[in-house]
Amino acid sequence: MQNSYRSLSPSGGPTKAQAPDIEFLTFRLGEESYGIHILKVQEIRVYEKPTVIANAPAFIKGVINLRGVIVPILDLRVKFQLPEARYDELTLVIVLNVASRVVAVVVDSVSDVVSLAAELIRPAPEFASTTFDARYITGLATVGDSMLILLDIEKLMTSSEMALVEAASH
């Protein structure tokens, strides 16, 4: 686990100038580690075969009934154009609350919850490519020996190409 050093005020609490650490749930897709803001996470579950919806985009695996709520299951490997993984008893689903909606994403494994100081998060590099879209990456951070890709899961899940949330009609 990483060590955090905090600047303390005379009262023993964090100084006013220091921004609070941000907590991320980290997970793996293939060889890469990703992080999403912990406040977006509702729960972590073992993968169960969803009910397939005809004509759904390839990254939508189907839906499950989660305590009376119909929840779409998305495969981020397909969305990120990664090689397809096999689904087994170790495959997990992260259930998220985004844009007042419950959705779930399939991941290879969940690693940990890490706390990162804002100054440790670096901006995502800009790419001059139309095949790579970095607008869903809020930043990059080094945790131990590996690079952590921080996702703006709200922006990703509410994007028009995800077709999960209707555009606001106000």
C-alpha atoms as a PDB file:
ATOM      1  CA  MET A   1       0.000   0.000   0.000  1.00  0.00           C
ATOM      2  CA  GLN A   2       1.230   3.525  -0.677  1.00  0.00           C
ATOM      3  CA  ASN A   3       2.347   5.901   2.054  1.00  0.00           C
ATOM      4  CA  SER A   4       0.574   9.238   2.327  1.00  0.00           C
ATOM      5  CA  TYR A   5       2.312  12.162   3.967  1.00  0.00           C
ATOM      6  CA  ARG A   6       0.038  14.926   5.116  1.00  0.00           C
ATOM      7  CA  SER A   7       0.853  18.412   6.254  1.00  0.00           C
ATOM      8  CA  LEU A   8      -0.719  19.032   9.653  1.00  0.00           C
ATOM      9  CA  SER A   9      -1.861  22.253  11.263  1.00  0.00           C
ATOM     10  CA  PRO A  10      -0.968  23.066  14.908  1.00  0.00           C
ATOM     11  CA  SER A  11      -4.294  21.436  15.910  1.00  0.00           C
ATOM     12  CA  GLY A  12      -3.146  18.167  14.308  1.00  0.00           C
ATOM     13  CA  GLY A  13      -5.566  18.281  11.345  1.00  0.00           C
ATOM     14  CA  PRO A  14      -4.767  18.872   7.655  1.00  0.00           C
ATOM     15  CA  THR A  15      -3.821  22.449   6.777  1.00  0.00           C
ATOM     16  CA  LYS A  16      -6.413  24.555   4.973  1.00  0.00           C
ATOM     17  CA  ALA A  17      -4.203  24.924   1.881  1.00  0.00           C
ATOM     18  CA  GLN A  18      -4.021  21.182   1.325  1.00  0.00           C
ATOM     19  CA  ALA A  19      -6.745  19.645  -0.830  1.00  0.00           C
ATOM     20  CA  PRO A  20      -8.215  16.449   0.584  1.00  0.00           C
ATOM     21  CA  ASP A  21      -7.118  13.163  -0.938  1.00  0.00           C
ATOM     22  CA  ILE A  22      -9.422  11.622  -3.536  1.00  0.00           C
ATOM     23  CA  GLU A  23     -10.322   7.942  -3.198  1.00  0.00           C
ATOM     24  CA  PHE A  24     -10.465   5.688  -6.245  1.00  0.00           C
ATOM     25  CA  LEU A  25     -11.546   2.080  -6.646  1.00  0.00           C
ATOM     26  CA  THR A  26      -8.872   0.453  -8.786  1.00  0.00           C
ATOM     27  CA  PHE A  27      -9.476  -2.430 -11.174  1.00  0.00           C
ATOM     28  CA  ARG A  28      -7.777  -4.250 -14.018  1.00  0.00           C
ATOM     29  CA  LEU A  29      -8.702  -4.707 -17.640  1.00  0.00           C
ATOM     30  CA  GLY A  30      -6.068  -6.867 -19.302  1.00  0.00           C
ATOM     31  CA  GLU A  31      -2.627  -5.581 -18.361  1.00  0.00           C
ATOM     32  CA  GLU A  32      -3.770  -2.069 -17.389  1.00  0.00           C
ATOM     33  CA  SER A  33      -4.953  -0.630 -14.078  1.00  0.00           C
ATOM     34  CA  TYR A  34      -7.827   1.840 -13.981  1.00  0.00           C
ATOM     35  CA  GLY A  35      -9.403   3.907 -11.237  1.00  0.00           C
ATOM     36  CA  ILE A  36     -12.879   5.355 -10.758  1.00  0.00           C
ATOM     37  CA  HIS A  37     -14.034   7.767  -8.075  1.00  0.00           C
ATOM     38  CA  ILE A  38     -15.176   5.697  -5.101  1.00  0.00           C
ATOM     39  CA  LEU A  39     -18.361   7.739  -4.652  1.00  0.00           C
ATOM     40  CA  LYS A  40     -19.675   6.402  -7.988  1.00  0.00           C
ATOM     41  CA  VAL A  41     -19.419   2.783  -6.773  1.00  0.00           C
ATOM     42  CA  GLN A  42     -22.532   1.158  -5.318  1.00  0.00           C
ATOM     43  CA  GLU A  43     -21.230  -2.402  -4.937  1.00  0.00           C
ATOM     44  CA  ILE A  44     -18.970  -5.107  -6.349  1.00  0.00           C
ATOM     45  CA  ARG A  45     -20.508  -8.428  -7.406  1.00  0.00           C
ATOM     46  CA  VAL A  46     -19.475 -11.705  -8.968  1.00  0.00           C
ATOM     47  CA  TYR A  47     -20.325 -11.794 -12.686  1.00  0.00           C
ATOM     48  CA  GLU A  48     -23.564 -13.520 -13.554  1.00  0.00           C
ATOM     49  CA  LYS A  49     -24.690 -14.215 -17.091  1.00  0.00           C
ATOM     50  CA  PRO A  50     -26.994 -11.347 -18.090  1.00  0.00           C
ATOM     51  CA  THR A  51     -30.138 -11.538 -20.191  1.00  0.00           C
ATOM     52  CA  VAL A  52     -29.102 -10.569 -23.718  1.00  0.00           C
ATOM     53  CA  ILE A  53     -30.965  -7.691 -25.370  1.00  0.00           C
ATOM     54  CA  ALA A  54     -31.411  -8.021 -29.149  1.00  0.00           C
ATOM     55  CA  ASN A  55     -29.734  -5.354 -31.297  1.00  0.00           C
ATOM     56  CA  ALA A  56     -27.870  -3.803 -28.353  1.00  0.00           C
ATOM     57  CA  PRO A  57     -24.388  -2.398 -29.053  1.00  0.00           C
ATOM     58  CA  ALA A  58     -21.594  -4.991 -28.722  1.00  0.00           C
ATOM     59  CA  PHE A  59     -20.290  -3.496 -25.457  1.00  0.00           C
ATOM     60  CA  ILE A  60     -23.674  -4.003 -23.734  1.00  0.00           C
ATOM     61  CA  LYS A  61     -23.628  -7.635 -22.587  1.00  0.00           C
ATOM     62  CA  GLY A  62     -27.258  -7.523 -21.428  1.00  0.00           C
ATOM     63  CA  VAL A  63     -29.176  -6.761 -18.253  1.00  0.00           C
ATOM     64  CA  ILE A  64     -29.557  -8.234 -14.779  1.00  0.00           C
ATOM     65  CA  ASN A  65     -32.257  -7.823 -12.160  1.00  0.00           C
ATOM     66  CA  LEU A  66     -30.572  -6.345  -9.091  1.00  0.00           C
ATOM     67  CA  ARG A  67     -33.093  -6.321  -6.223  1.00  0.00           C
ATOM     68  CA  GLY A  68     -35.894  -5.220  -8.550  1.00  0.00           C
ATOM     69  CA  VAL A  69     -33.808  -2.783 -10.613  1.00  0.00           C
ATOM     70  CA  ILE A  70     -32.987  -3.693 -14.227  1.00  0.00           C
ATOM     71  CA  VAL A  71     -29.285  -2.913 -14.634  1.00  0.00           C
ATOM     72  CA  PRO A  72     -27.418  -2.836 -17.973  1.00  0.00           C
ATOM     73  CA  ILE A  73     -24.072  -4.684 -17.918  1.00  0.00           C
ATOM     74  CA  LEU A  74     -21.301  -3.137 -20.039  1.00  0.00           C
ATOM     75  CA  ASP A  75     -18.015  -4.708 -21.046  1.00  0.00           C
ATOM     76  CA  LEU A  76     -15.359  -1.991 -20.954  1.00  0.00           C
ATOM     77  CA  ARG A  77     -12.945  -4.297 -22.809  1.00  0.00           C
ATOM     78  CA  VAL A  78     -15.190  -4.073 -25.867  1.00  0.00           C
ATOM     79  CA  LYS A  79     -15.708  -0.323 -25.436  1.00  0.00           C
ATOM     80  CA  PHE A  80     -11.934   0.246 -25.134  1.00  0.00           C
ATOM     81  CA  GLN A  81     -11.188  -2.152 -28.027  1.00  0.00           C
ATOM     82  CA  LEU A  82      -9.182  -4.556 -25.850  1.00  0.00           C
ATOM     83  CA  PRO A  83      -8.934  -8.303 -26.502  1.00  0.00           C
ATOM     84  CA  GLU A  84     -12.000 -10.157 -25.257  1.00  0.00           C
ATOM     85  CA  ALA A  85     -11.642 -11.855 -21.885  1.00  0.00           C
ATOM     86  CA  ARG A  86     -13.110 -15.128 -20.795  1.00  0.00           C
ATOM     87  CA  TYR A  87     -15.803 -14.907 -18.146  1.00  0.00           C
ATOM     88  CA  ASP A  88     -15.261 -17.194 -15.163  1.00  0.00           C
ATOM     89  CA  GLU A  89     -15.840 -17.362 -11.395  1.00  0.00           C
ATOM     90  CA  LEU A  90     -13.171 -14.670 -10.860  1.00  0.00           C
ATOM     91  CA  THR A  91     -14.800 -12.122 -13.194  1.00  0.00           C
ATOM     92  CA  LEU A  92     -16.352  -9.213 -11.297  1.00  0.00           C
ATOM     93  CA  VAL A  93     -18.952  -6.549 -11.943  1.00  0.00           C
ATOM     94  CA  ILE A  94     -18.748  -3.044 -10.475  1.00  0.00           C
ATOM     95  CA  VAL A  95     -22.232  -1.609  -9.956  1.00  0.00           C
ATOM     96  CA  LEU A  96     -22.188   2.178 -10.393  1.00  0.00           C
ATOM     97  CA  ASN A  97     -24.492   5.081  -9.698  1.00  0.00           C
ATOM     98  CA  VAL A  98     -24.058   7.582 -12.536  1.00  0.00           C
ATOM     99  CA  ALA A  99     -26.434  10.331 -13.644  1.00  0.00           C
ATOM    100  CA  SER A 100     -29.140   9.024 -11.270  1.00  0.00           C
ATOM    101  CA  ARG A 101     -28.958   5.649 -13.001  1.00  0.00           C
ATOM    102  CA  VAL A 102     -27.601   2.258 -11.954  1.00  0.00           C
ATOM    103  CA  VAL A 103     -25.280   0.602 -14.474  1.00  0.00           C
ATOM    104  CA  ALA A 104     -22.638  -2.090 -14.122  1.00  0.00           C
ATOM    105  CA  VAL A 105     -19.293  -2.736 -15.788  1.00  0.00           C
ATOM    106  CA  VAL A 106     -17.465  -6.041 -16.197  1.00  0.00           C
ATOM    107  CA  VAL A 107     -13.828  -5.982 -15.037  1.00  0.00           C
ATOM    108  CA  ASP A 108     -11.099  -8.614 -14.815  1.00  0.00           C
ATOM    109  CA  SER A 109     -10.398  -7.927 -11.153  1.00  0.00           C
ATOM    110  CA  VAL A 110     -10.797  -5.294  -8.460  1.00  0.00           C
ATOM    111  CA  SER A 111      -7.510  -4.320  -6.868  1.00  0.00           C
ATOM    112  CA  ASP A 112      -7.920  -1.856  -4.017  1.00  0.00           C
ATOM    113  CA  VAL A 113      -9.153   1.534  -2.897  1.00  0.00           C
ATOM    114  CA  VAL A 114      -6.347   4.078  -3.153  1.00  0.00           C
ATOM    115  CA  SER A 115      -6.243   7.575  -1.779  1.00  0.00           C
ATOM    116  CA  LEU A 116      -4.448  10.075  -4.023  1.00  0.00           C
ATOM    117  CA  ALA A 117      -3.481  13.632  -3.272  1.00  0.00           C
ATOM    118  CA  ALA A 118      -4.652  15.940  -6.070  1.00  0.00           C
ATOM    119  CA  GLU A 119      -1.050  16.980  -6.831  1.00  0.00           C
ATOM    120  CA  LEU A 120      -0.136  13.344  -7.632  1.00  0.00           C
ATOM    121  CA  ILE A 121      -2.678  13.185 -10.463  1.00  0.00           C
ATOM    122  CA  ARG A 122      -1.199  14.204 -13.808  1.00  0.00           C
ATOM    123  CA  PRO A 123      -3.334  15.336 -16.758  1.00  0.00           C
ATOM    124  CA  ALA A 124      -3.973  12.836 -19.518  1.00  0.00           C
ATOM    125  CA  PRO A 125      -1.760  13.337 -22.576  1.00  0.00           C
ATOM    126  CA  GLU A 126      -3.363  14.741 -25.686  1.00  0.00           C
ATOM    127  CA  PHE A 127      -3.374  12.524 -28.746  1.00  0.00           C
ATOM    128  CA  ALA A 128      -3.761  13.649 -32.339  1.00  0.00           C
ATOM    129  CA  SER A 129      -5.611  10.467 -33.178  1.00  0.00           C
ATOM    130  CA  THR A 130      -9.229   9.959 -34.100  1.00  0.00           C
ATOM    131  CA  THR A 131      -9.085   6.312 -32.983  1.00  0.00           C
ATOM    132  CA  PHE A 132      -8.210   7.152 -29.369  1.00  0.00           C
ATOM    133  CA  ASP A 133     -10.483   9.303 -27.239  1.00  0.00           C
ATOM    134  CA  ALA A 134      -8.849  10.658 -24.074  1.00  0.00           C
ATOM    135  CA  ARG A 135     -11.813  12.796 -22.984  1.00  0.00           C
ATOM    136  CA  TYR A 136     -12.913  10.077 -20.526  1.00  0.00           C
ATOM    137  CA  ILE A 137      -9.527  10.039 -18.788  1.00  0.00           C
ATOM    138  CA  THR A 138      -9.318  12.522 -15.918  1.00  0.00           C
ATOM    139  CA  GLY A 139      -5.667  11.864 -15.266  1.00  0.00           C
ATOM    140  CA  LEU A 140      -2.826   9.447 -14.627  1.00  0.00           C
ATOM    141  CA  ALA A 141      -1.132   8.577 -11.360  1.00  0.00           C
ATOM    142  CA  THR A 142       1.738   6.339 -10.356  1.00  0.00           C
ATOM    143  CA  VAL A 143       0.870   3.886  -7.601  1.00  0.00           C
ATOM    144  CA  GLY A 144       3.772   1.705  -6.557  1.00  0.00           C
ATOM    145  CA  ASP A 145       5.409   0.481  -9.757  1.00  0.00           C
ATOM    146  CA  SER A 146       2.390   0.871 -12.033  1.00  0.00           C
ATOM    147  CA  MET A 147       0.534   3.602 -13.856  1.00  0.00           C
ATOM    148  CA  LEU A 148      -3.118   4.089 -12.927  1.00  0.00           C
ATOM    149  CA  ILE A 149      -5.500   5.422 -15.589  1.00  0.00           C
ATOM    150  CA  LEU A 150      -8.202   7.490 -13.873  1.00  0.00           C
ATOM    151  CA  LEU A 151     -11.541   7.401 -15.682  1.00  0.00           C
ATOM    152  CA  ASP A 152     -14.313   9.966 -15.598  1.00  0.00           C
ATOM    153  CA  ILE A 153     -16.894   7.195 -15.387  1.00  0.00           C
ATOM    154  CA  GLU A 154     -19.801   9.657 -15.260  1.00  0.00           C
ATOM    155  CA  LYS A 155     -18.712  11.304 -18.515  1.00  0.00           C
ATOM    156  CA  LEU A 156     -18.111   7.915 -20.149  1.00  0.00           C
ATOM    157  CA  MET A 157     -21.466   6.444 -19.115  1.00  0.00           C
ATOM    158  CA  THR A 158     -23.437   9.545 -20.101  1.00  0.00           C
ATOM    159  CA  SER A 159     -21.736  10.010 -23.476  1.00  0.00           C
ATOM    160  CA  SER A 160     -23.974   9.850 -26.521  1.00  0.00           C
ATOM    161  CA  GLU A 161     -22.215   6.771 -27.954  1.00  0.00           C
ATOM    162  CA  MET A 162     -23.048   4.777 -24.794  1.00  0.00           C
ATOM    163  CA  ALA A 163     -26.786   5.377 -25.362  1.00  0.00           C
ATOM    164  CA  LEU A 164     -27.517   4.710 -21.685  1.00  0.00           C
ATOM    165  CA  VAL A 165     -28.883   8.055 -20.568  1.00  0.00           C
ATOM    166  CA  GLU A 166     -31.291  10.129 -22.600  1.00  0.00           C
ATOM    167  CA  ALA A 167     -30.186  13.655 -23.420  1.00  0.00           C
ATOM    168  CA  ALA A 168     -31.733  16.261 -21.148  1.00  0.00           C
ATOM    169  CA  SER A 169     -34.696  17.920 -22.829  1.00  0.00           C
ATOM    170  CA  HIS A 170     -34.632  21.096 -20.729  1.00  0.00           C
END
